[in-house]
Amino acid sequence: MPKQTKLTEKQKRFCEEYLIDLNATQAAIRAGYSPKTAEQAAARLLRNVKVQEYLNILREKQSERTQITADMVLNELAAIAFTDRTELAQVVHRQGKDEETGEPYEYSAVELTQTKDLPDTAKKTIAGIKQGRNGVEVSSYDKIKALELLGKHIGMFSERKEDEASKEQETPKLYEALTEDNSK
């Protein structure tokens, strides 16, 4: 069988569809692969070197068109991951007077920082601001998810090949030690 050097139109379509939502199975279906075998086809396509090369070309073109770079995305994730959330709000101590007795008392309250006073990095962490039943509610993006994505990007969570190799070497030695005749 001759080695394939070019992608078929169907494979190219898969790549284009994949970049829409990064869902390989759905991309395969939209590209014309059978829904019954789309998951397997998608996995096979993503392992194909030519498909990966074409995806890289499409990503580069997409980045040029949108002016979005990997550095921009990493900077946004870093802001979400490392910004101190206490820049958004602070716990303050206040004094009040009991309306019935006139006795003074202290209480704690949450005071939001005005958005105009927030550093740009803190603004990037805000997922939403709304008026709730009990006052203004501020939600922020998931810090753990941002840390996870950054960690994956820098290879923190991938298994080390050296560790796997040393385990493979240790296993036979351990087996020998456990099965040795101890009556010697």
N, C-alpha and C. Protein backbone atom coordinates (compact mmCIF):
# COMPACT_ATOMS: atom_id res chain seq x y z
N MET A 1 0.85 -1.18 0.00
CA MET A 1 0.00 0.00 0.00
C MET A 1 0.89 1.24 0.00
N PRO A 2 0.68 2.20 -0.91
CA PRO A 2 1.52 3.39 -0.95
C PRO A 2 1.26 4.28 0.26
N LYS A 3 2.32 4.90 0.74
CA LYS A 3 2.22 5.78 1.90
C LYS A 3 1.53 7.08 1.50
N GLN A 4 0.56 7.49 2.32
CA GLN A 4 -0.20 8.71 2.04
C GLN A 4 0.66 9.93 2.37
N THR A 5 0.76 10.84 1.42
CA THR A 5 1.57 12.04 1.64
C THR A 5 0.70 13.28 1.80
N LYS A 6 -0.53 13.23 1.30
CA LYS A 6 -1.42 14.38 1.41
C LYS A 6 -2.67 14.00 2.17
N LEU A 7 -3.28 14.99 2.77
CA LEU A 7 -4.54 14.75 3.46
C LEU A 7 -5.68 14.72 2.45
N THR A 8 -6.67 13.90 2.77
CA THR A 8 -7.88 13.89 1.94
C THR A 8 -8.71 15.12 2.30
N GLU A 9 -9.68 15.42 1.47
CA GLU A 9 -10.58 16.56 1.77
C GLU A 9 -11.32 16.32 3.08
N LYS A 10 -11.69 15.07 3.33
CA LYS A 10 -12.40 14.72 4.56
C LYS A 10 -11.51 14.97 5.78
N GLN A 11 -10.23 14.61 5.68
CA GLN A 11 -9.30 14.84 6.79
C GLN A 11 -9.09 16.33 7.02
N LYS A 12 -8.97 17.09 5.93
CA LYS A 12 -8.83 18.55 6.07
C LYS A 12 -10.06 19.14 6.73
N ARG A 13 -11.23 18.66 6.33
CA ARG A 13 -12.48 19.16 6.91
C ARG A 13 -12.53 18.84 8.40
N PHE A 14 -12.07 17.64 8.77
CA PHE A 14 -12.00 17.27 10.18
C PHE A 14 -11.17 18.29 10.95
N CYS A 15 -10.01 18.64 10.41
CA CYS A 15 -9.12 19.60 11.08
C CYS A 15 -9.81 20.94 11.26
N GLU A 16 -10.47 21.41 10.23
CA GLU A 16 -11.17 22.70 10.30
C GLU A 16 -12.29 22.65 11.33
N GLU A 17 -13.03 21.55 11.34
CA GLU A 17 -14.12 21.40 12.31
C GLU A 17 -13.59 21.25 13.73
N TYR A 18 -12.48 20.57 13.88
CA TYR A 18 -11.88 20.34 15.20
C TYR A 18 -11.51 21.66 15.87
N LEU A 19 -11.01 22.61 15.09
CA LEU A 19 -10.59 23.89 15.66
C LEU A 19 -11.77 24.75 16.11
N ILE A 20 -12.98 24.40 15.72
CA ILE A 20 -14.15 25.17 16.14
C ILE A 20 -14.39 25.00 17.63
N ASP A 21 -14.41 23.75 18.10
CA ASP A 21 -14.75 23.51 19.51
C ASP A 21 -13.83 22.51 20.21
N LEU A 22 -12.81 22.02 19.50
CA LEU A 22 -11.84 21.05 20.03
C LEU A 22 -12.50 19.75 20.49
N ASN A 23 -13.68 19.45 19.95
CA ASN A 23 -14.36 18.19 20.23
C ASN A 23 -14.11 17.28 19.03
N ALA A 24 -13.20 16.34 19.19
CA ALA A 24 -12.76 15.52 18.07
C ALA A 24 -13.88 14.64 17.51
N THR A 25 -14.68 14.05 18.38
CA THR A 25 -15.76 13.18 17.91
C THR A 25 -16.77 13.97 17.08
N GLN A 26 -17.21 15.11 17.61
CA GLN A 26 -18.18 15.93 16.87
C GLN A 26 -17.57 16.47 15.58
N ALA A 27 -16.29 16.80 15.61
CA ALA A 27 -15.62 17.28 14.39
C ALA A 27 -15.63 16.19 13.32
N ALA A 28 -15.40 14.96 13.74
CA ALA A 28 -15.41 13.84 12.78
C ALA A 28 -16.79 13.67 12.17
N ILE A 29 -17.82 13.77 13.00
CA ILE A 29 -19.19 13.65 12.49
C ILE A 29 -19.49 14.78 11.51
N ARG A 30 -19.14 16.00 11.88
CA ARG A 30 -19.41 17.15 11.00
C ARG A 30 -18.60 17.06 9.70
N ALA A 31 -17.46 16.38 9.76
CA ALA A 31 -16.62 16.23 8.57
C ALA A 31 -17.11 15.10 7.66
N GLY A 32 -18.10 14.34 8.13
CA GLY A 32 -18.67 13.31 7.27
C GLY A 32 -18.36 11.88 7.68
N TYR A 33 -17.71 11.68 8.81
CA TYR A 33 -17.46 10.32 9.29
C TYR A 33 -18.73 9.79 9.94
N SER A 34 -18.88 8.49 9.95
CA SER A 34 -20.07 7.85 10.53
C SER A 34 -20.15 8.14 12.03
N PRO A 35 -21.33 8.52 12.52
CA PRO A 35 -21.47 8.75 13.96
C PRO A 35 -21.12 7.51 14.79
N LYS A 36 -21.33 6.32 14.22
CA LYS A 36 -21.03 5.08 14.95
C LYS A 36 -19.54 4.88 15.18
N THR A 37 -18.73 5.34 14.23
CA THR A 37 -17.28 5.13 14.33
C THR A 37 -16.51 6.43 14.49
N ALA A 38 -17.22 7.53 14.72
CA ALA A 38 -16.58 8.85 14.78
C ALA A 38 -15.53 8.95 15.88
N GLU A 39 -15.81 8.36 17.03
CA GLU A 39 -14.87 8.45 18.15
C GLU A 39 -13.53 7.79 17.80
N GLN A 40 -13.60 6.60 17.22
CA GLN A 40 -12.39 5.89 16.83
C GLN A 40 -11.68 6.62 15.69
N ALA A 41 -12.46 7.10 14.73
CA ALA A 41 -11.87 7.84 13.60
C ALA A 41 -11.16 9.09 14.10
N ALA A 42 -11.80 9.79 15.04
CA ALA A 42 -11.21 11.02 15.58
C ALA A 42 -9.89 10.72 16.29
N ALA A 43 -9.87 9.66 17.09
CA ALA A 43 -8.64 9.30 17.81
C ALA A 43 -7.54 8.95 16.81
N ARG A 44 -7.89 8.20 15.77
CA ARG A 44 -6.91 7.83 14.74
C ARG A 44 -6.40 9.08 14.02
N LEU A 45 -7.31 9.98 13.68
CA LEU A 45 -6.92 11.20 12.97
C LEU A 45 -5.98 12.06 13.82
N LEU A 46 -6.26 12.18 15.10
CA LEU A 46 -5.41 13.02 15.96
C LEU A 46 -4.02 12.43 16.17
N ARG A 47 -3.87 11.13 15.93
CA ARG A 47 -2.53 10.51 16.02
C ARG A 47 -1.76 10.64 14.71
N ASN A 48 -2.44 11.00 13.65
CA ASN A 48 -1.84 11.11 12.32
C ASN A 48 -0.92 12.33 12.26
N VAL A 49 0.34 12.11 11.91
CA VAL A 49 1.33 13.19 11.86
C VAL A 49 0.92 14.28 10.88
N LYS A 50 0.42 13.88 9.72
CA LYS A 50 0.01 14.87 8.71
C LYS A 50 -1.17 15.71 9.21
N VAL A 51 -2.08 15.09 9.93
CA VAL A 51 -3.21 15.82 10.51
C VAL A 51 -2.69 16.83 11.53
N GLN A 52 -1.75 16.41 12.38
CA GLN A 52 -1.18 17.32 13.38
C GLN A 52 -0.47 18.50 12.71
N GLU A 53 0.26 18.22 11.64
CA GLU A 53 0.94 19.30 10.91
C GLU A 53 -0.07 20.28 10.34
N TYR A 54 -1.15 19.76 9.76
CA TYR A 54 -2.18 20.63 9.19
C TYR A 54 -2.89 21.43 10.28
N LEU A 55 -3.16 20.80 11.42
CA LEU A 55 -3.76 21.52 12.55
C LEU A 55 -2.85 22.67 13.00
N ASN A 56 -1.55 22.42 13.04
CA ASN A 56 -0.61 23.47 13.43
C ASN A 56 -0.63 24.63 12.45
N ILE A 57 -0.71 24.33 11.17
CA ILE A 57 -0.80 25.38 10.15
C ILE A 57 -2.08 26.19 10.33
N LEU A 58 -3.20 25.48 10.54
CA LEU A 58 -4.48 26.17 10.74
C LEU A 58 -4.46 27.04 12.00
N ARG A 59 -3.84 26.52 13.06
CA ARG A 59 -3.75 27.30 14.31
C ARG A 59 -2.93 28.57 14.11
N GLU A 60 -1.83 28.45 13.38
CA GLU A 60 -1.00 29.63 13.10
C GLU A 60 -1.77 30.67 12.31
N LYS A 61 -2.50 30.22 11.30
CA LYS A 61 -3.32 31.15 10.49
C LYS A 61 -4.41 31.79 11.35
N GLN A 62 -5.01 30.98 12.19
CA GLN A 62 -6.06 31.48 13.08
C GLN A 62 -5.49 32.53 14.04
N SER A 63 -4.32 32.27 14.56
CA SER A 63 -3.66 33.21 15.47
C SER A 63 -3.34 34.52 14.76
N GLU A 64 -2.89 34.43 13.53
CA GLU A 64 -2.60 35.65 12.75
C GLU A 64 -3.88 36.45 12.50
N ARG A 65 -4.97 35.75 12.14
CA ARG A 65 -6.24 36.43 11.86
C ARG A 65 -6.80 37.12 13.09
N THR A 66 -6.76 36.43 14.21
CA THR A 66 -7.39 36.95 15.42
C THR A 66 -6.46 37.82 16.26
N GLN A 67 -5.18 37.78 15.93
CA GLN A 67 -4.17 38.50 16.70
C GLN A 67 -4.10 37.99 18.15
N ILE A 68 -4.50 36.75 18.34
CA ILE A 68 -4.41 36.13 19.67
C ILE A 68 -3.19 35.22 19.67
N THR A 69 -2.31 35.46 20.63
CA THR A 69 -1.10 34.65 20.71
C THR A 69 -1.14 33.76 21.95
N ALA A 70 -0.30 32.77 21.96
CA ALA A 70 -0.19 31.90 23.13
C ALA A 70 0.23 32.72 24.35
N ASP A 71 1.10 33.70 24.16
CA ASP A 71 1.53 34.55 25.27
C ASP A 71 0.36 35.30 25.88
N MET A 72 -0.54 35.78 25.03
CA MET A 72 -1.71 36.51 25.54
C MET A 72 -2.57 35.60 26.42
N VAL A 73 -2.80 34.39 25.94
CA VAL A 73 -3.62 33.44 26.69
C VAL A 73 -2.94 33.08 28.01
N LEU A 74 -1.63 32.83 27.96
CA LEU A 74 -0.89 32.49 29.17
C LEU A 74 -0.90 33.63 30.18
N ASN A 75 -0.81 34.86 29.70
CA ASN A 75 -0.86 36.02 30.60
C ASN A 75 -2.22 36.13 31.28
N GLU A 76 -3.29 35.87 30.54
CA GLU A 76 -4.63 35.90 31.13
C GLU A 76 -4.77 34.81 32.19
N LEU A 77 -4.32 33.61 31.86
CA LEU A 77 -4.37 32.52 32.83
C LEU A 77 -3.54 32.83 34.06
N ALA A 78 -2.37 33.42 33.87
CA ALA A 78 -1.51 33.78 35.00
C ALA A 78 -2.20 34.81 35.89
N ALA A 79 -2.88 35.77 35.30
CA ALA A 79 -3.60 36.77 36.09
C ALA A 79 -4.67 36.09 36.94
N ILE A 80 -5.40 35.16 36.35
CA ILE A 80 -6.45 34.44 37.08
C ILE A 80 -5.83 33.58 38.18
N ALA A 81 -4.74 32.93 37.87
CA ALA A 81 -4.12 32.00 38.81
C ALA A 81 -3.43 32.69 39.98
N PHE A 82 -2.79 33.83 39.73
CA PHE A 82 -1.91 34.40 40.75
C PHE A 82 -2.36 35.71 41.37
N THR A 83 -3.46 36.28 40.92
CA THR A 83 -3.93 37.53 41.52
C THR A 83 -4.50 37.26 42.90
N ASP A 84 -4.16 38.11 43.83
CA ASP A 84 -4.66 38.02 45.19
C ASP A 84 -6.12 38.47 45.20
N ARG A 85 -7.03 37.55 45.54
CA ARG A 85 -8.46 37.86 45.50
C ARG A 85 -8.86 38.93 46.53
N THR A 86 -8.00 39.18 47.50
CA THR A 86 -8.34 40.23 48.47
C THR A 86 -8.24 41.62 47.86
N GLU A 87 -7.74 41.71 46.63
CA GLU A 87 -7.76 43.00 45.94
C GLU A 87 -9.18 43.35 45.52
N LEU A 88 -10.05 42.34 45.38
CA LEU A 88 -11.43 42.57 44.97
C LEU A 88 -12.31 43.07 46.11
N ALA A 89 -12.05 42.58 47.30
CA ALA A 89 -12.88 42.94 48.46
C ALA A 89 -12.06 42.76 49.73
N GLN A 90 -12.45 43.50 50.76
CA GLN A 90 -11.77 43.41 52.04
C GLN A 90 -12.82 43.27 53.14
N VAL A 91 -12.40 42.62 54.21
CA VAL A 91 -13.23 42.58 55.41
C VAL A 91 -12.83 43.79 56.25
N VAL A 92 -13.82 44.60 56.58
CA VAL A 92 -13.56 45.80 57.38
C VAL A 92 -14.34 45.70 58.68
N HIS A 93 -13.81 46.36 59.72
CA HIS A 93 -14.48 46.38 61.02
C HIS A 93 -15.12 47.74 61.20
N ARG A 94 -16.37 47.71 61.61
CA ARG A 94 -17.13 48.96 61.78
C ARG A 94 -17.77 48.99 63.15
N GLN A 95 -18.21 50.19 63.49
CA GLN A 95 -18.93 50.35 64.76
C GLN A 95 -20.35 50.82 64.46
N GLY A 96 -21.25 50.37 65.29
CA GLY A 96 -22.64 50.78 65.15
C GLY A 96 -23.24 50.98 66.53
N LYS A 97 -24.51 51.44 66.55
CA LYS A 97 -25.23 51.61 67.81
C LYS A 97 -26.52 50.82 67.74
N ASP A 98 -26.79 50.11 68.83
CA ASP A 98 -28.04 49.38 68.93
C ASP A 98 -29.17 50.39 68.94
N GLU A 99 -30.18 50.21 68.08
CA GLU A 99 -31.27 51.18 67.96
C GLU A 99 -32.11 51.28 69.22
N GLU A 100 -32.28 50.18 69.94
CA GLU A 100 -33.11 50.19 71.14
C GLU A 100 -32.37 50.70 72.37
N THR A 101 -31.14 50.22 72.55
CA THR A 101 -30.42 50.57 73.78
C THR A 101 -29.41 51.68 73.60
N GLY A 102 -29.03 51.93 72.37
CA GLY A 102 -28.02 52.95 72.12
C GLY A 102 -26.61 52.48 72.42
N GLU A 103 -26.47 51.21 72.79
CA GLU A 103 -25.16 50.65 73.11
C GLU A 103 -24.32 50.53 71.84
N PRO A 104 -23.04 50.89 71.91
CA PRO A 104 -22.18 50.72 70.74
C PRO A 104 -21.78 49.24 70.59
N TYR A 105 -21.55 48.85 69.36
CA TYR A 105 -21.07 47.49 69.08
C TYR A 105 -20.20 47.52 67.83
N GLU A 106 -19.38 46.49 67.70
CA GLU A 106 -18.53 46.36 66.52
C GLU A 106 -19.03 45.21 65.66
N TYR A 107 -18.84 45.35 64.37
CA TYR A 107 -19.21 44.28 63.46
C TYR A 107 -18.27 44.29 62.26
N SER A 108 -18.26 43.18 61.56
CA SER A 108 -17.43 43.06 60.36
C SER A 108 -18.33 43.12 59.13
N ALA A 109 -17.80 43.70 58.07
CA ALA A 109 -18.54 43.78 56.81
C ALA A 109 -17.55 43.57 55.66
N VAL A 110 -18.09 43.22 54.52
CA VAL A 110 -17.27 43.07 53.32
C VAL A 110 -17.42 44.34 52.51
N GLU A 111 -16.29 44.91 52.15
CA GLU A 111 -16.29 46.13 51.35
C GLU A 111 -15.62 45.83 50.01
N LEU A 112 -16.37 46.05 48.93
CA LEU A 112 -15.83 45.80 47.60
C LEU A 112 -14.95 46.96 47.15
N THR A 113 -13.88 46.63 46.46
CA THR A 113 -13.03 47.66 45.86
C THR A 113 -13.73 48.13 44.59
N GLN A 114 -13.78 49.43 44.38
CA GLN A 114 -14.39 49.94 43.16
C GLN A 114 -13.57 49.46 41.97
N THR A 115 -14.26 49.08 40.91
CA THR A 115 -13.55 48.52 39.75
C THR A 115 -12.55 49.51 39.16
N LYS A 116 -12.84 50.80 39.24
CA LYS A 116 -11.91 51.79 38.70
C LYS A 116 -10.60 51.81 39.49
N ASP A 117 -10.63 51.32 40.72
CA ASP A 117 -9.44 51.31 41.57
C ASP A 117 -8.68 49.97 41.52
N LEU A 118 -9.22 49.00 40.82
CA LEU A 118 -8.58 47.69 40.75
C LEU A 118 -7.42 47.69 39.76
N PRO A 119 -6.34 46.98 40.07
CA PRO A 119 -5.27 46.80 39.08
C PRO A 119 -5.82 45.96 37.92
N ASP A 120 -5.23 46.10 36.76
CA ASP A 120 -5.70 45.36 35.58
C ASP A 120 -5.70 43.85 35.81
N THR A 121 -4.70 43.35 36.51
CA THR A 121 -4.66 41.90 36.74
C THR A 121 -5.85 41.44 37.57
N ALA A 122 -6.26 42.23 38.54
CA ALA A 122 -7.42 41.87 39.36
C ALA A 122 -8.71 41.93 38.54
N LYS A 123 -8.81 42.90 37.64
CA LYS A 123 -10.00 43.00 36.78
C LYS A 123 -10.15 41.76 35.92
N LYS A 124 -9.03 41.18 35.50
CA LYS A 124 -9.07 40.00 34.64
C LYS A 124 -9.63 38.77 35.35
N THR A 125 -9.64 38.78 36.67
CA THR A 125 -10.14 37.63 37.42
C THR A 125 -11.65 37.65 37.58
N ILE A 126 -12.29 38.77 37.28
CA ILE A 126 -13.73 38.91 37.50
C ILE A 126 -14.52 38.22 36.40
N ALA A 127 -15.31 37.25 36.80
CA ALA A 127 -16.17 36.53 35.84
C ALA A 127 -17.51 37.23 35.70
N GLY A 128 -17.96 37.89 36.77
CA GLY A 128 -19.24 38.58 36.70
C GLY A 128 -19.50 39.43 37.92
N ILE A 129 -20.32 40.45 37.71
CA ILE A 129 -20.77 41.32 38.80
C ILE A 129 -22.26 41.50 38.62
N LYS A 130 -23.02 41.28 39.70
CA LYS A 130 -24.46 41.48 39.59
C LYS A 130 -25.03 41.96 40.92
N GLN A 131 -26.21 42.52 40.82
CA GLN A 131 -26.93 42.95 42.01
C GLN A 131 -27.75 41.77 42.49
N GLY A 132 -27.40 41.24 43.65
CA GLY A 132 -28.13 40.11 44.22
C GLY A 132 -29.14 40.59 45.25
N ARG A 133 -29.84 39.66 45.86
CA ARG A 133 -30.83 40.03 46.88
C ARG A 133 -30.19 40.70 48.08
N ASN A 134 -28.98 40.28 48.41
CA ASN A 134 -28.31 40.82 49.60
C ASN A 134 -27.21 41.81 49.27
N GLY A 135 -27.21 42.34 48.06
CA GLY A 135 -26.19 43.31 47.68
C GLY A 135 -25.46 42.88 46.42
N VAL A 136 -24.35 43.54 46.18
CA VAL A 136 -23.57 43.27 44.98
C VAL A 136 -22.82 41.94 45.15
N GLU A 137 -22.86 41.12 44.09
CA GLU A 137 -22.17 39.83 44.10
C GLU A 137 -21.10 39.85 43.01
N VAL A 138 -19.89 39.49 43.39
CA VAL A 138 -18.78 39.43 42.45
C VAL A 138 -18.31 37.98 42.39
N SER A 139 -18.23 37.45 41.18
CA SER A 139 -17.70 36.09 41.02
C SER A 139 -16.40 36.17 40.24
N SER A 140 -15.49 35.25 40.56
CA SER A 140 -14.21 35.26 39.86
C SER A 140 -14.01 33.93 39.15
N TYR A 141 -13.12 33.95 38.16
CA TYR A 141 -12.81 32.74 37.42
C TYR A 141 -12.11 31.74 38.33
N ASP A 142 -12.17 30.48 37.96
CA ASP A 142 -11.64 29.38 38.75
C ASP A 142 -10.11 29.39 38.79
N LYS A 143 -9.58 29.71 39.95
CA LYS A 143 -8.13 29.79 40.15
C LYS A 143 -7.47 28.42 39.96
N ILE A 144 -8.10 27.38 40.49
CA ILE A 144 -7.54 26.03 40.39
C ILE A 144 -7.46 25.58 38.93
N LYS A 145 -8.50 25.86 38.15
CA LYS A 145 -8.50 25.49 36.74
C LYS A 145 -7.39 26.23 36.00
N ALA A 146 -7.21 27.51 36.30
CA ALA A 146 -6.14 28.29 35.65
C ALA A 146 -4.78 27.71 36.02
N LEU A 147 -4.58 27.35 37.28
CA LEU A 147 -3.32 26.75 37.70
C LEU A 147 -3.10 25.40 37.00
N GLU A 148 -4.17 24.63 36.87
CA GLU A 148 -4.08 23.33 36.19
C GLU A 148 -3.66 23.51 34.73
N LEU A 149 -4.29 24.46 34.04
CA LEU A 149 -3.95 24.70 32.64
C LEU A 149 -2.51 25.18 32.48
N LEU A 150 -2.08 26.07 33.37
CA LEU A 150 -0.70 26.54 33.32
C LEU A 150 0.27 25.40 33.63
N GLY A 151 -0.07 24.60 34.63
CA GLY A 151 0.78 23.46 34.99
C GLY A 151 0.92 22.47 33.84
N LYS A 152 -0.18 22.19 33.16
CA LYS A 152 -0.12 21.30 32.00
C LYS A 152 0.75 21.91 30.91
N HIS A 153 0.61 23.22 30.72
CA HIS A 153 1.38 23.89 29.67
C HIS A 153 2.89 23.76 29.90
N ILE A 154 3.30 23.86 31.16
CA ILE A 154 4.74 23.78 31.44
C ILE A 154 5.20 22.35 31.75
N GLY A 155 4.28 21.38 31.61
CA GLY A 155 4.65 19.98 31.76
C GLY A 155 4.75 19.49 33.18
N MET A 156 4.13 20.19 34.11
CA MET A 156 4.21 19.79 35.51
C MET A 156 3.52 18.46 35.80
N PHE A 157 2.46 18.17 35.07
CA PHE A 157 1.63 17.02 35.42
C PHE A 157 1.84 15.81 34.53
N SER A 158 2.83 15.86 33.65
CA SER A 158 3.08 14.70 32.80
C SER A 158 4.03 13.77 33.53
N GLU A 159 3.82 12.47 33.32
CA GLU A 159 4.71 11.51 33.98
C GLU A 159 6.08 11.58 33.35
N ARG A 160 7.08 11.49 34.16
CA ARG A 160 8.44 11.55 33.67
C ARG A 160 8.84 10.21 33.06
N LYS A 161 9.43 10.26 31.89
CA LYS A 161 9.86 9.03 31.20
C LYS A 161 10.94 8.31 32.00
N GLU A 162 11.81 9.08 32.69
CA GLU A 162 12.87 8.44 33.47
C GLU A 162 12.27 7.60 34.59
N ASP A 163 11.19 8.10 35.22
CA ASP A 163 10.55 7.37 36.30
C ASP A 163 9.99 6.05 35.79
N GLU A 164 9.38 6.09 34.60
CA GLU A 164 8.82 4.87 34.01
C GLU A 164 9.93 3.88 33.71
N ALA A 165 11.04 4.36 33.17
CA ALA A 165 12.16 3.48 32.82
C ALA A 165 12.73 2.83 34.07
N SER A 166 12.88 3.59 35.15
CA SER A 166 13.45 3.02 36.37
C SER A 166 12.49 2.01 36.99
N LYS A 167 11.17 2.24 36.87
CA LYS A 167 10.20 1.27 37.38
C LYS A 167 10.31 -0.04 36.60
N GLU A 168 10.48 0.07 35.28
CA GLU A 168 10.60 -1.13 34.45
C GLU A 168 11.84 -1.93 34.83
N GLN A 169 12.92 -1.26 35.21
CA GLN A 169 14.15 -1.95 35.59
C GLN A 169 14.02 -2.55 36.99
N GLU A 170 13.29 -1.88 37.87
CA GLU A 170 13.15 -2.35 39.24
C GLU A 170 12.23 -3.56 39.35
N THR A 171 11.24 -3.66 38.49
CA THR A 171 10.25 -4.74 38.57
C THR A 171 10.88 -6.12 38.50
N PRO A 172 11.75 -6.41 37.50
CA PRO A 172 12.38 -7.75 37.48
C PRO A 172 13.23 -8.01 38.72
N LYS A 173 13.95 -7.00 39.21
CA LYS A 173 14.78 -7.18 40.40
C LYS A 173 13.91 -7.50 41.61
N LEU A 174 12.78 -6.82 41.73
CA LEU A 174 11.87 -7.06 42.83
C LEU A 174 11.30 -8.48 42.74
N TYR A 175 10.95 -8.89 41.53
CA TYR A 175 10.41 -10.24 41.32
C TYR A 175 11.44 -11.29 41.73
N GLU A 176 12.69 -11.08 41.31
CA GLU A 176 13.76 -12.02 41.66
C GLU A 176 13.94 -12.09 43.17
N ALA A 177 13.92 -10.94 43.81
CA ALA A 177 14.10 -10.91 45.26
C ALA A 177 12.97 -11.63 45.98
N LEU A 178 11.76 -11.48 45.48
CA LEU A 178 10.61 -12.10 46.13
C LEU A 178 10.53 -13.60 45.88
N THR A 179 11.06 -14.04 44.75
CA THR A 179 10.95 -15.47 44.40
C THR A 179 12.21 -16.26 44.69
N GLU A 180 13.26 -15.61 45.21
CA GLU A 180 14.50 -16.30 45.54
C GLU A 180 14.25 -17.35 46.61
N ASP A 181 14.95 -18.43 46.50
CA ASP A 181 14.84 -19.48 47.50
C ASP A 181 15.56 -19.02 48.76
N ASN A 182 14.80 -18.82 49.82
CA ASN A 182 15.38 -18.31 51.07
C ASN A 182 16.02 -19.41 51.91
N SER A 183 16.04 -20.64 51.43
CA SER A 183 16.59 -21.73 52.23
C SER A 183 18.10 -21.87 52.08
N LYS A 184 18.73 -21.04 51.31
CA LYS A 184 20.18 -21.12 51.10
C LYS A 184 20.95 -20.83 52.34
